[in-house]
Amino acid sequence: MKRMKKRMRGRILFCVFLVVLLILVVVFDKPMKHIIRNSIDAFQFKGVEKYKPTIQKDLSQENLQKYTPVVLALMQQESHGRGGDPMQSSESAGLPPNTIKEPKKSINEGIKHFEHILAYGKQQHVDFATILQAYNMGVGYINYVAQHGGHHSEKLAKKFSLHHVNQNPNLYNCGGDKRDFRYPYCYGDFSYSDKVQATVKSLTHSVPAYLSSNTQVY
């Protein structure tokens, strides 16, 4: 009889332990994941975060400081904040690739380019995803999207890329590597906009209004 009571008591204590453990998992699992996620993001974006004050200051001159996470995300996609031209601004400034060797100048030119495509996108009534893709594919992509409904899609980006490839196949050939994920769409990166948007969300831990689906730049 005493043994049965002990067994019963042990089973009850074990059940209580399981219930308490389950409660702890439910209560603390989400915050723990959040802490881990924040730590990973802090490490992943440390290369670009050091330029945040400079970017914010430059954007604020045109009252565009709300786009600071966007410019940081563009830099992350371009270089992870490494090198003398972290915004890869040389070509948009009309120079050969990697001509710029000073990060401040790269940021200045990169922001000029972003402001230009932002203003032009507003004029052409395209969505914000198109603006992001145009940082990679050029202003011509804005015109192309404007002529095809005003909303960016991977399908449109691939068609635009292939058009340029057909015009100059020797230049835009993914370095001859057919295993390249872009092949045969070797002009630009058709997935650029999606990658930048994902980075913005990670940097802000939210979905800014300008990233909302089908949002046009007004």
C-alpha atoms as a PDB file:
ATOM      1  CA  MET A   1       0.000   0.000   0.000  1.00  0.00           C
ATOM      2  CA  LYS A   2       2.800   2.372   0.968  1.00  0.00           C
ATOM      3  CA  ARG A   3       4.671   1.482  -2.231  1.00  0.00           C
ATOM      4  CA  MET A   4       1.583   2.276  -4.330  1.00  0.00           C
ATOM      5  CA  LYS A   5       1.230   5.662  -2.612  1.00  0.00           C
ATOM      6  CA  LYS A   6       4.886   6.434  -3.280  1.00  0.00           C
ATOM      7  CA  ARG A   7       4.502   5.465  -6.927  1.00  0.00           C
ATOM      8  CA  MET A   8       1.376   7.591  -7.219  1.00  0.00           C
ATOM      9  CA  ARG A   9       3.121  10.540  -5.563  1.00  0.00           C
ATOM     10  CA  GLY A  10       6.073  10.124  -7.904  1.00  0.00           C
ATOM     11  CA  ARG A  11       3.839  10.088 -10.960  1.00  0.00           C
ATOM     12  CA  ILE A  12       2.005  13.200  -9.760  1.00  0.00           C
ATOM     13  CA  LEU A  13       5.292  15.033  -9.161  1.00  0.00           C
ATOM     14  CA  PHE A  14       6.537  13.985 -12.603  1.00  0.00           C
ATOM     15  CA  CYS A  15       3.330  15.243 -14.221  1.00  0.00           C
ATOM     16  CA  VAL A  16       3.632  18.525 -12.335  1.00  0.00           C
ATOM     17  CA  PHE A  17       7.244  18.818 -13.513  1.00  0.00           C
ATOM     18  CA  LEU A  18       6.179  18.278 -17.130  1.00  0.00           C
ATOM     19  CA  VAL A  19       3.430  20.893 -16.846  1.00  0.00           C
ATOM     20  CA  VAL A  20       5.811  23.448 -15.315  1.00  0.00           C
ATOM     21  CA  LEU A  21       8.405  22.694 -18.015  1.00  0.00           C
ATOM     22  CA  LEU A  22       5.803  23.141 -20.746  1.00  0.00           C
ATOM     23  CA  ILE A  23       4.741  26.473 -19.264  1.00  0.00           C
ATOM     24  CA  LEU A  24       8.363  27.644 -19.127  1.00  0.00           C
ATOM     25  CA  VAL A  25       8.899  26.687 -22.763  1.00  0.00           C
ATOM     26  CA  VAL A  26       5.749  28.512 -23.872  1.00  0.00           C
ATOM     27  CA  VAL A  27       6.542  31.624 -21.815  1.00  0.00           C
ATOM     28  CA  PHE A  28      10.249  31.928 -22.543  1.00  0.00           C
ATOM     29  CA  ASP A  29      10.651  30.311 -25.967  1.00  0.00           C
ATOM     30  CA  LYS A  30       9.564  33.346 -28.005  1.00  0.00           C
ATOM     31  CA  PRO A  31      11.684  35.909 -26.087  1.00  0.00           C
ATOM     32  CA  MET A  32      14.661  33.564 -26.301  1.00  0.00           C
ATOM     33  CA  LYS A  33      14.240  33.233 -30.051  1.00  0.00           C
ATOM     34  CA  HIS A  34      14.004  37.012 -30.272  1.00  0.00           C
ATOM     35  CA  ILE A  35      17.233  37.438 -28.309  1.00  0.00           C
ATOM     36  CA  ILE A  36      19.018  34.883 -30.479  1.00  0.00           C
ATOM     37  CA  ARG A  37      17.695  36.506 -33.664  1.00  0.00           C
ATOM     38  CA  ASN A  38      18.848  39.950 -32.525  1.00  0.00           C
ATOM     39  CA  SER A  39      22.309  38.612 -31.725  1.00  0.00           C
ATOM     40  CA  ILE A  40      22.618  36.991 -35.144  1.00  0.00           C
ATOM     41  CA  ASP A  41      21.464  40.183 -36.882  1.00  0.00           C
ATOM     42  CA  ALA A  42      23.891  42.333 -34.868  1.00  0.00           C
ATOM     43  CA  PHE A  43      26.781  40.146 -36.006  1.00  0.00           C
ATOM     44  CA  GLN A  44      25.558  39.844 -39.592  1.00  0.00           C
ATOM     45  CA  PHE A  45      25.084  43.588 -40.120  1.00  0.00           C
ATOM     46  CA  LYS A  46      27.984  44.969 -38.081  1.00  0.00           C
ATOM     47  CA  GLY A  47      29.828  45.869 -41.298  1.00  0.00           C
ATOM     48  CA  VAL A  48      27.124  48.311 -42.393  1.00  0.00           C
ATOM     49  CA  GLU A  49      25.870  49.511 -39.004  1.00  0.00           C
ATOM     50  CA  LYS A  50      29.096  51.493 -38.478  1.00  0.00           C
ATOM     51  CA  TYR A  51      28.058  53.711 -41.399  1.00  0.00           C
ATOM     52  CA  LYS A  52      24.548  54.364 -40.066  1.00  0.00           C
ATOM     53  CA  PRO A  53      25.281  57.847 -38.591  1.00  0.00           C
ATOM     54  CA  THR A  54      26.855  59.021 -41.856  1.00  0.00           C
ATOM     55  CA  ILE A  55      23.995  57.659 -43.959  1.00  0.00           C
ATOM     56  CA  GLN A  56      21.354  59.108 -41.662  1.00  0.00           C
ATOM     57  CA  LYS A  57      23.031  62.519 -41.728  1.00  0.00           C
ATOM     58  CA  ASP A  58      23.308  62.591 -45.526  1.00  0.00           C
ATOM     59  CA  LEU A  59      19.694  61.481 -46.015  1.00  0.00           C
ATOM     60  CA  SER A  60      18.390  64.021 -43.508  1.00  0.00           C
ATOM     61  CA  GLN A  61      19.646  66.834 -45.751  1.00  0.00           C
ATOM     62  CA  GLU A  62      16.812  65.923 -48.130  1.00  0.00           C
ATOM     63  CA  ASN A  63      14.418  64.898 -45.324  1.00  0.00           C
ATOM     64  CA  LEU A  64      14.746  61.264 -46.374  1.00  0.00           C
ATOM     65  CA  GLN A  65      16.155  59.854 -43.121  1.00  0.00           C
ATOM     66  CA  LYS A  66      13.323  57.312 -42.892  1.00  0.00           C
ATOM     67  CA  TYR A  67      15.106  55.450 -45.688  1.00  0.00           C
ATOM     68  CA  THR A  68      18.248  54.906 -43.594  1.00  0.00           C
ATOM     69  CA  PRO A  69      17.491  51.156 -43.213  1.00  0.00           C
ATOM     70  CA  VAL A  70      17.031  50.937 -46.988  1.00  0.00           C
ATOM     71  CA  VAL A  71      20.442  52.430 -47.755  1.00  0.00           C
ATOM     72  CA  LEU A  72      22.008  50.182 -45.111  1.00  0.00           C
ATOM     73  CA  ALA A  73      20.312  47.194 -46.774  1.00  0.00           C
ATOM     74  CA  LEU A  74      21.563  48.275 -50.197  1.00  0.00           C
ATOM     75  CA  MET A  75      25.083  48.479 -48.795  1.00  0.00           C
ATOM     76  CA  GLN A  76      24.695  45.067 -47.178  1.00  0.00           C
ATOM     77  CA  GLN A  77      23.693  43.584 -50.518  1.00  0.00           C
ATOM     78  CA  GLU A  78      26.486  45.353 -52.386  1.00  0.00           C
ATOM     79  CA  SER A  79      29.454  44.741 -50.098  1.00  0.00           C
ATOM     80  CA  HIS A  80      28.476  43.890 -46.487  1.00  0.00           C
ATOM     81  CA  GLY A  81      30.110  47.224 -45.673  1.00  0.00           C
ATOM     82  CA  ARG A  82      33.535  46.128 -46.852  1.00  0.00           C
ATOM     83  CA  GLY A  83      36.095  47.927 -49.014  1.00  0.00           C
ATOM     84  CA  GLY A  84      36.577  51.506 -50.136  1.00  0.00           C
ATOM     85  CA  ASP A  85      33.393  51.542 -52.237  1.00  0.00           C
ATOM     86  CA  PRO A  86      30.829  49.892 -49.931  1.00  0.00           C
ATOM     87  CA  MET A  87      27.876  51.241 -51.933  1.00  0.00           C
ATOM     88  CA  GLN A  88      29.477  50.129 -55.226  1.00  0.00           C
ATOM     89  CA  SER A  89      28.862  53.667 -56.468  1.00  0.00           C
ATOM     90  CA  SER A  90      31.658  53.957 -59.009  1.00  0.00           C
ATOM     91  CA  GLU A  91      29.566  52.863 -61.994  1.00  0.00           C
ATOM     92  CA  SER A  92      26.511  54.948 -61.054  1.00  0.00           C
ATOM     93  CA  ALA A  93      28.889  57.936 -60.857  1.00  0.00           C
ATOM     94  CA  GLY A  94      30.028  57.221 -64.415  1.00  0.00           C
ATOM     95  CA  LEU A  95      33.360  55.700 -63.382  1.00  0.00           C
ATOM     96  CA  PRO A  96      34.930  52.274 -63.970  1.00  0.00           C
ATOM     97  CA  PRO A  97      34.069  49.648 -61.319  1.00  0.00           C
ATOM     98  CA  ASN A  98      35.823  50.080 -57.935  1.00  0.00           C
ATOM     99  CA  THR A  99      37.332  53.441 -58.894  1.00  0.00           C
ATOM    100  CA  ILE A 100      36.097  55.013 -55.663  1.00  0.00           C
ATOM    101  CA  LYS A 101      38.355  54.105 -52.735  1.00  0.00           C
ATOM    102  CA  GLU A 102      36.876  56.279 -49.962  1.00  0.00           C
ATOM    103  CA  PRO A 103      33.767  55.008 -48.098  1.00  0.00           C
ATOM    104  CA  LYS A 104      32.406  58.522 -47.449  1.00  0.00           C
ATOM    105  CA  LYS A 105      32.517  59.354 -51.144  1.00  0.00           C
ATOM    106  CA  SER A 106      30.950  55.988 -51.965  1.00  0.00           C
ATOM    107  CA  ILE A 107      28.099  56.669 -49.540  1.00  0.00           C
ATOM    108  CA  ASN A 108      27.611  60.174 -50.915  1.00  0.00           C
ATOM    109  CA  GLU A 109      27.409  58.926 -54.505  1.00  0.00           C
ATOM    110  CA  GLY A 110      25.253  55.951 -53.504  1.00  0.00           C
ATOM    111  CA  ILE A 111      22.751  58.201 -51.769  1.00  0.00           C
ATOM    112  CA  LYS A 112      22.680  60.525 -54.783  1.00  0.00           C
ATOM    113  CA  HIS A 113      21.869  57.522 -56.954  1.00  0.00           C
ATOM    114  CA  PHE A 114      19.179  56.344 -54.533  1.00  0.00           C
ATOM    115  CA  GLU A 115      17.618  59.812 -54.348  1.00  0.00           C
ATOM    116  CA  HIS A 116      17.590  59.991 -58.144  1.00  0.00           C
ATOM    117  CA  ILE A 117      15.835  56.670 -58.680  1.00  0.00           C
ATOM    118  CA  LEU A 118      13.457  57.424 -55.798  1.00  0.00           C
ATOM    119  CA  ALA A 119      12.411  60.722 -57.398  1.00  0.00           C
ATOM    120  CA  TYR A 120      12.173  59.184 -60.852  1.00  0.00           C
ATOM    121  CA  GLY A 121      10.181  56.238 -59.536  1.00  0.00           C
ATOM    122  CA  LYS A 122       7.758  58.686 -57.944  1.00  0.00           C
ATOM    123  CA  GLN A 123       7.408  60.477 -61.273  1.00  0.00           C
ATOM    124  CA  GLN A 124       6.738  57.207 -63.102  1.00  0.00           C
ATOM    125  CA  HIS A 125       4.348  55.883 -60.399  1.00  0.00           C
ATOM    126  CA  VAL A 126       6.083  52.555 -59.857  1.00  0.00           C
ATOM    127  CA  ASP A 127       6.134  50.596 -56.604  1.00  0.00           C
ATOM    128  CA  PHE A 128       8.977  50.748 -54.098  1.00  0.00           C
ATOM    129  CA  ALA A 129      10.202  47.256 -54.987  1.00  0.00           C
ATOM    130  CA  THR A 130      10.980  48.635 -58.459  1.00  0.00           C
ATOM    131  CA  ILE A 131      13.093  51.408 -56.918  1.00  0.00           C
ATOM    132  CA  LEU A 132      15.175  48.835 -55.068  1.00  0.00           C
ATOM    133  CA  GLN A 133      15.638  46.712 -58.185  1.00  0.00           C
ATOM    134  CA  ALA A 134      16.634  49.823 -60.141  1.00  0.00           C
ATOM    135  CA  TYR A 135      19.584  50.402 -57.808  1.00  0.00           C
ATOM    136  CA  ASN A 136      20.950  47.192 -59.294  1.00  0.00           C
ATOM    137  CA  MET A 137      19.580  47.302 -62.846  1.00  0.00           C
ATOM    138  CA  GLY A 138      19.553  51.026 -63.523  1.00  0.00           C
ATOM    139  CA  VAL A 139      16.934  53.676 -64.233  1.00  0.00           C
ATOM    140  CA  GLY A 140      15.910  51.847 -67.395  1.00  0.00           C
ATOM    141  CA  TYR A 141      14.218  49.230 -65.225  1.00  0.00           C
ATOM    142  CA  ILE A 142      11.866  51.891 -63.858  1.00  0.00           C
ATOM    143  CA  ASN A 143      10.791  52.769 -67.408  1.00  0.00           C
ATOM    144  CA  TYR A 144      10.326  49.097 -68.224  1.00  0.00           C
ATOM    145  CA  VAL A 145       8.138  48.431 -65.174  1.00  0.00           C
ATOM    146  CA  ALA A 146       6.148  51.620 -65.770  1.00  0.00           C
ATOM    147  CA  GLN A 147       5.308  50.273 -69.230  1.00  0.00           C
ATOM    148  CA  HIS A 148       4.244  46.920 -67.768  1.00  0.00           C
ATOM    149  CA  GLY A 149       1.823  47.784 -64.989  1.00  0.00           C
ATOM    150  CA  GLY A 150       3.993  49.690 -62.513  1.00  0.00           C
ATOM    151  CA  HIS A 151       4.743  46.772 -60.176  1.00  0.00           C
ATOM    152  CA  HIS A 152       8.014  44.900 -59.877  1.00  0.00           C
ATOM    153  CA  SER A 153       8.090  41.114 -60.158  1.00  0.00           C
ATOM    154  CA  GLU A 154      10.843  38.569 -60.608  1.00  0.00           C
ATOM    155  CA  LYS A 155       9.321  37.698 -63.978  1.00  0.00           C
ATOM    156  CA  LEU A 156       9.678  41.301 -65.199  1.00  0.00           C
ATOM    157  CA  ALA A 157      13.223  41.547 -63.836  1.00  0.00           C
ATOM    158  CA  LYS A 158      14.185  38.382 -65.717  1.00  0.00           C
ATOM    159  CA  LYS A 159      12.696  39.679 -68.966  1.00  0.00           C
ATOM    160  CA  PHE A 160      14.516  42.989 -68.566  1.00  0.00           C
ATOM    161  CA  SER A 161      17.752  41.175 -67.806  1.00  0.00           C
ATOM    162  CA  LEU A 162      17.401  38.862 -70.794  1.00  0.00           C
ATOM    163  CA  HIS A 163      16.793  41.849 -73.078  1.00  0.00           C
ATOM    164  CA  HIS A 164      20.202  43.247 -72.079  1.00  0.00           C
ATOM    165  CA  VAL A 165      21.840  39.830 -72.354  1.00  0.00           C
ATOM    166  CA  ASN A 166      20.584  39.457 -75.928  1.00  0.00           C
ATOM    167  CA  GLN A 167      21.960  42.887 -76.777  1.00  0.00           C
ATOM    168  CA  ASN A 168      25.417  42.079 -75.421  1.00  0.00           C
ATOM    169  CA  PRO A 169      25.789  38.307 -74.817  1.00  0.00           C
ATOM    170  CA  ASN A 170      29.580  38.421 -74.608  1.00  0.00           C
ATOM    171  CA  LEU A 171      29.489  40.872 -71.712  1.00  0.00           C
ATOM    172  CA  TYR A 172      26.522  39.518 -69.771  1.00  0.00           C
ATOM    173  CA  ASN A 173      27.270  35.794 -69.642  1.00  0.00           C
ATOM    174  CA  CYS A 174      27.702  35.180 -65.877  1.00  0.00           C
ATOM    175  CA  GLY A 175      31.388  34.703 -66.474  1.00  0.00           C
ATOM    176  CA  GLY A 176      30.586  31.658 -68.597  1.00  0.00           C
ATOM    177  CA  ASP A 177      29.365  29.794 -65.521  1.00  0.00           C
ATOM    178  CA  LYS A 178      26.051  28.075 -66.277  1.00  0.00           C
ATOM    179  CA  ARG A 179      25.830  27.020 -62.631  1.00  0.00           C
ATOM    180  CA  ASP A 180      25.448  30.666 -61.593  1.00  0.00           C
ATOM    181  CA  PHE A 181      21.959  31.048 -60.068  1.00  0.00           C
ATOM    182  CA  ARG A 182      21.286  33.987 -62.410  1.00  0.00           C
ATOM    183  CA  TYR A 183      22.004  32.092 -65.626  1.00  0.00           C
ATOM    184  CA  PRO A 184      20.831  32.884 -68.313  1.00  0.00           C
ATOM    185  CA  TYR A 185      19.581  36.165 -66.802  1.00  0.00           C
ATOM    186  CA  CYS A 186      23.094  37.505 -66.377  1.00  0.00           C
ATOM    187  CA  TYR A 187      22.405  41.255 -66.463  1.00  0.00           C
ATOM    188  CA  GLY A 188      22.076  42.325 -62.839  1.00  0.00           C
ATOM    189  CA  ASP A 189      20.453  40.177 -60.165  1.00  0.00           C
ATOM    190  CA  PHE A 190      16.758  39.510 -60.729  1.00  0.00           C
ATOM    191  CA  SER A 191      16.365  38.680 -57.011  1.00  0.00           C
ATOM    192  CA  TYR A 192      18.014  41.902 -55.788  1.00  0.00           C
ATOM    193  CA  SER A 193      14.847  43.674 -54.630  1.00  0.00           C
ATOM    194  CA  ASP A 194      13.621  40.704 -52.596  1.00  0.00           C
ATOM    195  CA  LYS A 195      16.995  40.370 -50.873  1.00  0.00           C
ATOM    196  CA  VAL A 196      17.139  44.058 -49.966  1.00  0.00           C
ATOM    197  CA  GLN A 197      13.572  44.015 -48.636  1.00  0.00           C
ATOM    198  CA  ALA A 198      14.371  41.011 -46.443  1.00  0.00           C
ATOM    199  CA  THR A 199      17.413  42.828 -45.050  1.00  0.00           C
ATOM    200  CA  VAL A 200      15.369  45.960 -44.294  1.00  0.00           C
ATOM    201  CA  LYS A 201      12.917  43.841 -42.306  1.00  0.00           C
ATOM    202  CA  SER A 202      15.776  42.233 -40.375  1.00  0.00           C
ATOM    203  CA  LEU A 203      17.374  45.605 -39.630  1.00  0.00           C
ATOM    204  CA  THR A 204      14.123  47.189 -38.434  1.00  0.00           C
ATOM    205  CA  HIS A 205      12.439  44.066 -36.986  1.00  0.00           C
ATOM    206  CA  SER A 206       9.303  45.309 -38.725  1.00  0.00           C
ATOM    207  CA  VAL A 207       7.740  45.932 -42.121  1.00  0.00           C
ATOM    208  CA  PRO A 208       8.065  49.658 -42.911  1.00  0.00           C
ATOM    209  CA  ALA A 209       5.112  51.206 -44.734  1.00  0.00           C
ATOM    210  CA  TYR A 210       7.146  51.764 -47.891  1.00  0.00           C
ATOM    211  CA  LEU A 211       7.651  47.986 -48.179  1.00  0.00           C
ATOM    212  CA  SER A 212       3.938  47.230 -48.088  1.00  0.00           C
ATOM    213  CA  SER A 213       2.697  45.194 -51.032  1.00  0.00           C
ATOM    214  CA  ASN A 214       2.003  47.258 -54.171  1.00  0.00           C
ATOM    215  CA  THR A 215       3.019  50.495 -52.432  1.00  0.00           C
ATOM    216  CA  GLN A 216       3.728  53.181 -54.995  1.00  0.00           C
ATOM    217  CA  VAL A 217       6.225  55.975 -54.378  1.00  0.00           C
ATOM    218  CA  TYR A 218       4.184  59.131 -53.916  1.00  0.00           C
END
